[in-house]
């Protein structure tokens, strides 16, 4: 599966569901980051749990529309 993380206008506080797993064919628009974890290093479910329970607010930029860019992620 792939791990998706919201990029624009998502909620990034601890306990928010900003990361999801998807399987199969899908179309991901430019408002999400697509992560392909190294299976021998990171477990998808662990990564999703970590991202959803971490406060990522310090990594968000933008005043009008908050954005978690790839460099900060």
Protein backbone atom coordinates (compact mmCIF):
# COMPACT_ATOMS: atom_id res chain seq x y z
CA UNK A 1 0.00 0.00 0.00
CA UNK A 2 0.87 3.66 -0.35
CA UNK A 3 0.69 6.17 2.48
CA UNK A 4 -1.03 9.49 1.70
CA UNK A 5 -0.50 12.64 3.76
CA UNK A 6 -2.54 15.81 3.37
CA UNK A 7 -0.59 18.74 1.93
CA UNK A 8 -2.93 21.76 1.70
CA UNK A 9 -5.43 22.73 4.38
CA UNK A 10 -5.28 19.40 6.22
CA UNK A 11 -5.25 18.97 9.99
CA UNK A 12 -1.79 18.19 11.34
CA UNK A 13 -2.26 18.30 15.12
CA UNK A 14 -1.70 15.22 17.25
CA UNK A 15 -4.68 12.86 17.01
CA UNK A 16 -5.82 14.12 13.60
CA UNK A 17 -6.18 11.66 10.73
CA UNK A 18 -3.93 13.25 8.14
CA UNK A 19 -2.29 10.01 6.92
CA UNK A 20 -4.07 7.13 5.19
CA UNK A 21 -3.14 3.87 3.47
CA UNK A 22 -4.45 3.15 -0.01
CA UNK A 23 -4.18 -0.02 -2.05
CA UNK A 24 -4.87 -0.68 -5.69
CA UNK A 25 -5.22 1.84 -8.45
CA UNK A 26 -6.08 5.36 -7.38
CA UNK A 27 -5.73 8.93 -8.54
CA UNK A 28 -3.96 11.21 -6.10
CA UNK A 29 -4.24 14.91 -6.82
CA UNK A 30 -1.70 17.62 -6.00
CA UNK A 31 -3.13 18.18 -2.49
CA UNK A 32 -1.53 15.06 -1.01
CA UNK A 33 1.93 13.59 -0.59
CA UNK A 34 2.43 9.98 -1.65
CA UNK A 35 4.86 8.01 0.50
CA UNK A 36 6.27 4.62 -0.47
CA UNK A 37 7.86 3.32 2.74
CA UNK A 38 10.80 0.93 2.46
CA UNK A 39 9.10 -2.31 3.47
CA UNK A 40 12.22 -3.76 5.09
CA UNK A 41 12.69 -0.64 7.25
CA UNK A 42 9.27 0.87 8.04
CA UNK A 43 5.86 -0.76 8.49
CA UNK A 44 3.06 1.19 6.78
CA UNK A 45 0.73 1.01 9.77
CA UNK A 46 3.46 2.25 12.11
CA UNK A 47 4.18 5.22 9.83
CA UNK A 48 0.48 6.11 9.63
CA UNK A 49 0.12 5.82 13.40
CA UNK A 50 3.20 8.00 13.93
CA UNK A 51 2.04 10.70 11.51
CA UNK A 52 -1.50 10.74 12.93
CA UNK A 53 -0.30 11.00 16.54
CA UNK A 54 2.48 13.54 16.04
CA UNK A 55 1.93 17.28 16.07
CA UNK A 56 3.20 18.31 12.64
CA UNK A 57 2.09 21.95 13.07
CA UNK A 58 5.69 23.16 13.42
CA UNK A 59 6.40 21.90 9.89
CA UNK A 60 3.46 23.74 8.28
CA UNK A 61 3.99 26.95 6.32
CA UNK A 62 1.61 29.44 4.74
CA UNK A 63 -0.70 32.02 6.28
CA UNK A 64 -3.83 31.89 4.15
CA UNK A 65 -3.81 28.21 3.23
CA UNK A 66 -1.63 26.13 5.52
CA UNK A 67 0.67 23.75 3.66
CA UNK A 68 2.89 20.84 4.63
CA UNK A 69 5.47 20.89 1.85
CA UNK A 70 7.65 17.98 0.81
CA UNK A 71 10.84 19.50 2.22
CA UNK A 72 9.31 19.91 5.68
CA UNK A 73 7.70 16.48 5.63
